Amino acid sequence: MSASERDKMAAGEWYSCLDAELDTLRLTAREAVHQHNTLPPGERGNMAPALRALFGAVGDDVFIEAPFHCSYGINISLAARVYLNAGCTILDSGRVTIGAGTMLGPNVQIYCAEHHKDAVLRGQGLEVARPVTIGTDVWIGGGAIILGGISIGDGAIVGAGSVVTKDVPAGAVVAGNPARPLRRPAT
């Protein structure tokens, strides 16, 4: 029996995103995101119940400002005290793990999917999911883009508007497109 597209996605193999099971998962995520994004501010609390239930893990005191968007939700794990400012987008075809006390500025985008470079195969929906790991007490400035396969170490800072294409060591400060070190971590 061959692996399902969802199984291939989870395993980090090439898969087709044009799949009925994945369509259903994305619809479930859109419904949960819609519930979160349309709650009146006084009722919002930390997160809409459907969104909280959708995520792989959610620690205490997580706060997600509206609007928010994710592809699946099931691949997102948020530790305690994570804060996502308005407009954050997490395209979580791969695992996205965000450590305790980490804050994302407005309009931060995390993209796990890498589409096939061959136009014909890309047109068939072929992509591969790359995980993103963000450590504890990280600050990611507004409008930053984090590409799939990236790890950002504890206490790092990513400047606003940066495009992170390489791993960021713990304690480093990076900025720019592509993001480059402004300050290296203390040794």
C-alpha atoms as a PDB file:
ATOM      1  CA  MET A   1       0.000   0.000   0.000  1.00  0.00           C
ATOM      2  CA  SER A   2       1.429   3.363  -0.966  1.00  0.00           C
ATOM      3  CA  ALA A   3       1.674   6.244   1.483  1.00  0.00           C
ATOM      4  CA  SER A   4      -1.029   8.899   1.419  1.00  0.00           C
ATOM      5  CA  GLU A   5      -0.154  12.459   0.403  1.00  0.00           C
ATOM      6  CA  ARG A   6      -0.609  13.455   4.066  1.00  0.00           C
ATOM      7  CA  ASP A   7       1.849  10.740   5.146  1.00  0.00           C
ATOM      8  CA  LYS A   8       4.367  11.908   2.536  1.00  0.00           C
ATOM      9  CA  MET A   9       3.926  15.517   3.677  1.00  0.00           C
ATOM     10  CA  ALA A  10       4.544  14.527   7.308  1.00  0.00           C
ATOM     11  CA  ALA A  11       7.625  12.510   6.321  1.00  0.00           C
ATOM     12  CA  GLY A  12       9.197  15.427   4.448  1.00  0.00           C
ATOM     13  CA  GLU A  13       8.854  13.682   1.076  1.00  0.00           C
ATOM     14  CA  TRP A  14       7.541  15.132  -2.176  1.00  0.00           C
ATOM     15  CA  TYR A  15       3.737  15.069  -2.132  1.00  0.00           C
ATOM     16  CA  SER A  16       0.852  16.561  -4.065  1.00  0.00           C
ATOM     17  CA  CYS A  17      -1.043  19.286  -2.243  1.00  0.00           C
ATOM     18  CA  LEU A  18      -3.899  18.667  -4.719  1.00  0.00           C
ATOM     19  CA  ASP A  19      -5.396  15.910  -2.580  1.00  0.00           C
ATOM     20  CA  ALA A  20      -8.882  15.401  -1.113  1.00  0.00           C
ATOM     21  CA  GLU A  21      -7.653  14.594   2.411  1.00  0.00           C
ATOM     22  CA  LEU A  22      -5.386  17.664   2.468  1.00  0.00           C
ATOM     23  CA  ASP A  23      -8.244  19.786   1.077  1.00  0.00           C
ATOM     24  CA  THR A  24     -10.415  18.648   4.002  1.00  0.00           C
ATOM     25  CA  LEU A  25      -7.681  19.480   6.531  1.00  0.00           C
ATOM     26  CA  ARG A  26      -7.225  22.950   5.014  1.00  0.00           C
ATOM     27  CA  LEU A  27     -10.995  23.554   5.147  1.00  0.00           C
ATOM     28  CA  THR A  28     -11.045  22.608   8.833  1.00  0.00           C
ATOM     29  CA  ALA A  29      -8.201  25.054   9.447  1.00  0.00           C
ATOM     30  CA  ARG A  30      -9.979  27.841   7.529  1.00  0.00           C
ATOM     31  CA  GLU A  31     -13.104  27.313   9.651  1.00  0.00           C
ATOM     32  CA  ALA A  32     -11.102  27.483  12.906  1.00  0.00           C
ATOM     33  CA  VAL A  33      -9.201  30.560  11.706  1.00  0.00           C
ATOM     34  CA  HIS A  34     -12.460  32.225  10.678  1.00  0.00           C
ATOM     35  CA  GLN A  35     -13.910  31.587  14.140  1.00  0.00           C
ATOM     36  CA  HIS A  36     -10.812  33.125  15.726  1.00  0.00           C
ATOM     37  CA  ASN A  37     -10.670  36.125  13.407  1.00  0.00           C
ATOM     38  CA  THR A  38     -14.353  37.025  13.807  1.00  0.00           C
ATOM     39  CA  LEU A  39     -14.686  36.867  17.583  1.00  0.00           C
ATOM     40  CA  PRO A  40     -15.565  40.241  19.113  1.00  0.00           C
ATOM     41  CA  PRO A  41     -12.479  41.690  20.843  1.00  0.00           C
ATOM     42  CA  GLY A  42     -14.069  41.416  24.294  1.00  0.00           C
ATOM     43  CA  GLU A  43     -14.718  37.700  23.760  1.00  0.00           C
ATOM     44  CA  ARG A  44     -11.446  36.854  22.060  1.00  0.00           C
ATOM     45  CA  GLY A  45      -9.543  35.757  25.152  1.00  0.00           C
ATOM     46  CA  ASN A  46      -6.288  34.143  24.172  1.00  0.00           C
ATOM     47  CA  MET A  47      -7.573  32.108  21.235  1.00  0.00           C
ATOM     48  CA  ALA A  48     -10.781  30.770  19.728  1.00  0.00           C
ATOM     49  CA  PRO A  49     -11.538  27.260  21.044  1.00  0.00           C
ATOM     50  CA  ALA A  50     -11.585  25.725  17.545  1.00  0.00           C
ATOM     51  CA  LEU A  51      -8.135  27.133  16.801  1.00  0.00           C
ATOM     52  CA  ARG A  52      -6.738  25.938  20.132  1.00  0.00           C
ATOM     53  CA  ALA A  53      -8.126  22.444  19.468  1.00  0.00           C
ATOM     54  CA  LEU A  54      -6.675  22.417  15.952  1.00  0.00           C
ATOM     55  CA  PHE A  55      -3.049  23.091  16.936  1.00  0.00           C
ATOM     56  CA  GLY A  56      -0.654  20.258  17.733  1.00  0.00           C
ATOM     57  CA  ALA A  57       0.171  21.844  21.116  1.00  0.00           C
ATOM     58  CA  VAL A  58      -0.598  25.118  22.892  1.00  0.00           C
ATOM     59  CA  GLY A  59       1.061  26.231  26.129  1.00  0.00           C
ATOM     60  CA  ASP A  60      -0.321  28.572  28.758  1.00  0.00           C
ATOM     61  CA  ASP A  61      -0.865  32.270  28.058  1.00  0.00           C
ATOM     62  CA  VAL A  62      -0.523  32.041  24.267  1.00  0.00           C
ATOM     63  CA  PHE A  63      -2.048  35.044  22.512  1.00  0.00           C
ATOM     64  CA  ILE A  64      -2.786  35.293  18.790  1.00  0.00           C
ATOM     65  CA  GLU A  65      -4.030  38.629  17.473  1.00  0.00           C
ATOM     66  CA  ALA A  66      -6.527  38.673  14.624  1.00  0.00           C
ATOM     67  CA  PRO A  67      -6.270  38.380  11.750  1.00  0.00           C
ATOM     68  CA  PHE A  68      -4.292  35.149  11.704  1.00  0.00           C
ATOM     69  CA  HIS A  69      -3.924  32.497   9.003  1.00  0.00           C
ATOM     70  CA  CYS A  70      -2.546  28.962   8.894  1.00  0.00           C
ATOM     71  CA  SER A  71      -2.761  26.171   6.323  1.00  0.00           C
ATOM     72  CA  TYR A  72      -3.413  23.152   8.526  1.00  0.00           C
ATOM     73  CA  GLY A  73      -2.856  24.126  12.167  1.00  0.00           C
ATOM     74  CA  ILE A  74      -2.185  20.514  13.124  1.00  0.00           C
ATOM     75  CA  ASN A  75       1.547  21.006  12.557  1.00  0.00           C
ATOM     76  CA  ILE A  76       1.861  24.048  14.850  1.00  0.00           C
ATOM     77  CA  SER A  77       3.172  23.769  18.424  1.00  0.00           C
ATOM     78  CA  LEU A  78       3.274  26.906  20.563  1.00  0.00           C
ATOM     79  CA  ALA A  79       4.941  26.893  23.994  1.00  0.00           C
ATOM     80  CA  ALA A  80       3.877  29.082  26.926  1.00  0.00           C
ATOM     81  CA  ARG A  81       3.660  32.856  26.508  1.00  0.00           C
ATOM     82  CA  VAL A  82       4.020  32.876  22.720  1.00  0.00           C
ATOM     83  CA  TYR A  83       2.630  36.040  21.166  1.00  0.00           C
ATOM     84  CA  LEU A  84       1.677  36.377  17.491  1.00  0.00           C
ATOM     85  CA  ASN A  85       0.808  39.923  16.457  1.00  0.00           C
ATOM     86  CA  ALA A  86      -1.849  40.825  13.877  1.00  0.00           C
ATOM     87  CA  GLY A  87      -1.523  39.466  10.374  1.00  0.00           C
ATOM     88  CA  CYS A  88       0.758  36.517  11.094  1.00  0.00           C
ATOM     89  CA  THR A  89       0.630  33.704   8.539  1.00  0.00           C
ATOM     90  CA  ILE A  90       1.943  30.202   9.155  1.00  0.00           C
ATOM     91  CA  LEU A  91       1.848  27.897   6.134  1.00  0.00           C
ATOM     92  CA  ASP A  92       2.403  24.773   8.201  1.00  0.00           C
ATOM     93  CA  SER A  93       2.729  21.919   5.768  1.00  0.00           C
ATOM     94  CA  GLY A  94       5.794  21.065   7.884  1.00  0.00           C
ATOM     95  CA  ARG A  95       6.147  21.142  11.654  1.00  0.00           C
ATOM     96  CA  VAL A  96       6.355  24.633  13.154  1.00  0.00           C
ATOM     97  CA  THR A  97       7.589  24.733  16.734  1.00  0.00           C
ATOM     98  CA  ILE A  98       7.758  28.063  18.574  1.00  0.00           C
ATOM     99  CA  GLY A  99       9.418  28.173  22.001  1.00  0.00           C
ATOM    100  CA  ALA A 100       8.280  29.801  25.223  1.00  0.00           C
ATOM    101  CA  GLY A 101       8.272  33.581  25.471  1.00  0.00           C
ATOM    102  CA  THR A 102       8.786  34.097  21.741  1.00  0.00           C
ATOM    103  CA  MET A 103       7.108  37.072  20.082  1.00  0.00           C
ATOM    104  CA  LEU A 104       6.308  37.579  16.405  1.00  0.00           C
ATOM    105  CA  GLY A 105       5.617  41.098  15.174  1.00  0.00           C
ATOM    106  CA  PRO A 106       2.780  41.995  12.825  1.00  0.00           C
ATOM    107  CA  ASN A 107       2.631  40.295   9.438  1.00  0.00           C
ATOM    108  CA  VAL A 108       5.368  37.751  10.147  1.00  0.00           C
ATOM    109  CA  GLN A 109       5.156  34.892   7.664  1.00  0.00           C
ATOM    110  CA  ILE A 110       6.417  31.331   8.055  1.00  0.00           C
ATOM    111  CA  TYR A 111       6.488  29.235   4.868  1.00  0.00           C
ATOM    112  CA  CYS A 112       7.154  25.500   5.215  1.00  0.00           C
ATOM    113  CA  ALA A 113       6.232  24.472   1.669  1.00  0.00           C
ATOM    114  CA  GLU A 114       8.866  24.380  -1.030  1.00  0.00           C
ATOM    115  CA  HIS A 115       7.241  24.042  -4.432  1.00  0.00           C
ATOM    116  CA  HIS A 116       8.859  21.934  -7.129  1.00  0.00           C
ATOM    117  CA  LYS A 117      11.210  23.848  -9.396  1.00  0.00           C
ATOM    118  CA  ASP A 118      10.014  21.964 -12.501  1.00  0.00           C
ATOM    119  CA  ALA A 119       7.002  23.910 -13.849  1.00  0.00           C
ATOM    120  CA  VAL A 120       5.106  20.783 -14.934  1.00  0.00           C
ATOM    121  CA  LEU A 121       5.524  19.075 -11.565  1.00  0.00           C
ATOM    122  CA  ARG A 122       4.761  22.332  -9.736  1.00  0.00           C
ATOM    123  CA  GLY A 123       1.553  22.537 -11.778  1.00  0.00           C
ATOM    124  CA  GLN A 124       0.672  19.062 -10.484  1.00  0.00           C
ATOM    125  CA  GLY A 125       0.886  20.400  -6.927  1.00  0.00           C
ATOM    126  CA  LEU A 126       4.206  18.774  -6.018  1.00  0.00           C
ATOM    127  CA  GLU A 127       5.893  20.283  -2.990  1.00  0.00           C
ATOM    128  CA  VAL A 128       7.943  19.233  -0.006  1.00  0.00           C
ATOM    129  CA  ALA A 129       7.348  20.359   3.592  1.00  0.00           C
ATOM    130  CA  ARG A 130      10.324  21.745   5.528  1.00  0.00           C
ATOM    131  CA  PRO A 131       9.996  22.227   9.309  1.00  0.00           C
ATOM    132  CA  VAL A 132      10.636  25.524  11.107  1.00  0.00           C
ATOM    133  CA  THR A 133      11.916  25.611  14.673  1.00  0.00           C
ATOM    134  CA  ILE A 134      12.015  28.847  16.645  1.00  0.00           C
ATOM    135  CA  GLY A 135      13.597  28.731  20.101  1.00  0.00           C
ATOM    136  CA  THR A 136      12.649  30.386  23.374  1.00  0.00           C
ATOM    137  CA  ASP A 137      12.584  34.140  23.968  1.00  0.00           C
ATOM    138  CA  VAL A 138      13.060  34.974  20.287  1.00  0.00           C
ATOM    139  CA  TRP A 139      11.880  38.286  18.836  1.00  0.00           C
ATOM    140  CA  ILE A 140      10.913  38.352  15.154  1.00  0.00           C
ATOM    141  CA  GLY A 141      10.227  41.848  13.834  1.00  0.00           C
ATOM    142  CA  GLY A 142       7.207  42.804  11.770  1.00  0.00           C
ATOM    143  CA  GLY A 143       7.010  41.660   8.175  1.00  0.00           C
ATOM    144  CA  ALA A 144       9.822  39.114   8.496  1.00  0.00           C
ATOM    145  CA  ILE A 145       9.635  35.979   6.365  1.00  0.00           C
ATOM    146  CA  ILE A 146      10.959  32.650   7.665  1.00  0.00           C
ATOM    147  CA  LEU A 147      11.517  30.008   4.988  1.00  0.00           C
ATOM    148  CA  GLY A 148      11.090  26.265   5.479  1.00  0.00           C
ATOM    149  CA  GLY A 149      13.918  24.222   6.949  1.00  0.00           C
ATOM    150  CA  ILE A 150      15.074  27.079   9.194  1.00  0.00           C
ATOM    151  CA  SER A 151      15.984  26.941  12.888  1.00  0.00           C
ATOM    152  CA  ILE A 152      16.235  30.099  14.969  1.00  0.00           C
ATOM    153  CA  GLY A 153      18.097  29.695  18.257  1.00  0.00           C
ATOM    154  CA  ASP A 154      17.071  30.811  21.739  1.00  0.00           C
ATOM    155  CA  GLY A 155      17.187  34.543  22.394  1.00  0.00           C
ATOM    156  CA  ALA A 156      17.815  35.482  18.753  1.00  0.00           C
ATOM    157  CA  ILE A 157      16.413  38.631  17.158  1.00  0.00           C
ATOM    158  CA  VAL A 158      15.258  38.868  13.541  1.00  0.00           C
ATOM    159  CA  GLY A 159      14.928  42.450  12.267  1.00  0.00           C
ATOM    160  CA  ALA A 160      11.715  43.735  10.754  1.00  0.00           C
ATOM    161  CA  GLY A 161      11.292  42.965   7.068  1.00  0.00           C
ATOM    162  CA  SER A 162      14.047  40.337   7.040  1.00  0.00           C
ATOM    163  CA  VAL A 163      13.951  37.219   4.873  1.00  0.00           C
ATOM    164  CA  VAL A 164      15.503  34.352   6.824  1.00  0.00           C
ATOM    165  CA  THR A 165      17.056  31.843   4.412  1.00  0.00           C
ATOM    166  CA  LYS A 166      19.663  30.308   6.772  1.00  0.00           C
ATOM    167  CA  ASP A 167      19.655  29.098  10.369  1.00  0.00           C
ATOM    168  CA  VAL A 168      20.081  31.780  13.036  1.00  0.00           C
ATOM    169  CA  PRO A 169      22.269  30.844  16.032  1.00  0.00           C
ATOM    170  CA  ALA A 170      21.114  31.393  19.603  1.00  0.00           C
ATOM    171  CA  GLY A 171      21.614  34.980  20.730  1.00  0.00           C
ATOM    172  CA  ALA A 172      22.330  36.313  17.223  1.00  0.00           C
ATOM    173  CA  VAL A 173      20.781  39.430  15.723  1.00  0.00           C
ATOM    174  CA  VAL A 174      20.073  39.238  11.980  1.00  0.00           C
ATOM    175  CA  ALA A 175      18.445  41.595   9.501  1.00  0.00           C
ATOM    176  CA  GLY A 176      18.070  42.178   5.788  1.00  0.00           C
ATOM    177  CA  ASN A 177      17.186  40.290   2.636  1.00  0.00           C
ATOM    178  CA  PRO A 178      18.617  37.761   2.919  1.00  0.00           C
ATOM    179  CA  ALA A 179      19.038  38.084   6.684  1.00  0.00           C
ATOM    180  CA  ARG A 180      22.674  38.573   7.714  1.00  0.00           C
ATOM    181  CA  PRO A 181      24.267  38.758  11.169  1.00  0.00           C
ATOM    182  CA  LEU A 182      24.390  42.212  12.749  1.00  0.00           C
ATOM    183  CA  ARG A 183      25.658  40.810  16.009  1.00  0.00           C
ATOM    184  CA  ARG A 184      27.001  37.368  16.610  1.00  0.00           C
ATOM    185  CA  PRO A 185      26.146  35.515  19.800  1.00  0.00           C
ATOM    186  CA  ALA A 186      28.569  35.835  22.711  1.00  0.00           C
ATOM    187  CA  THR A 187      30.854  32.814  23.066  1.00  0.00           C
END
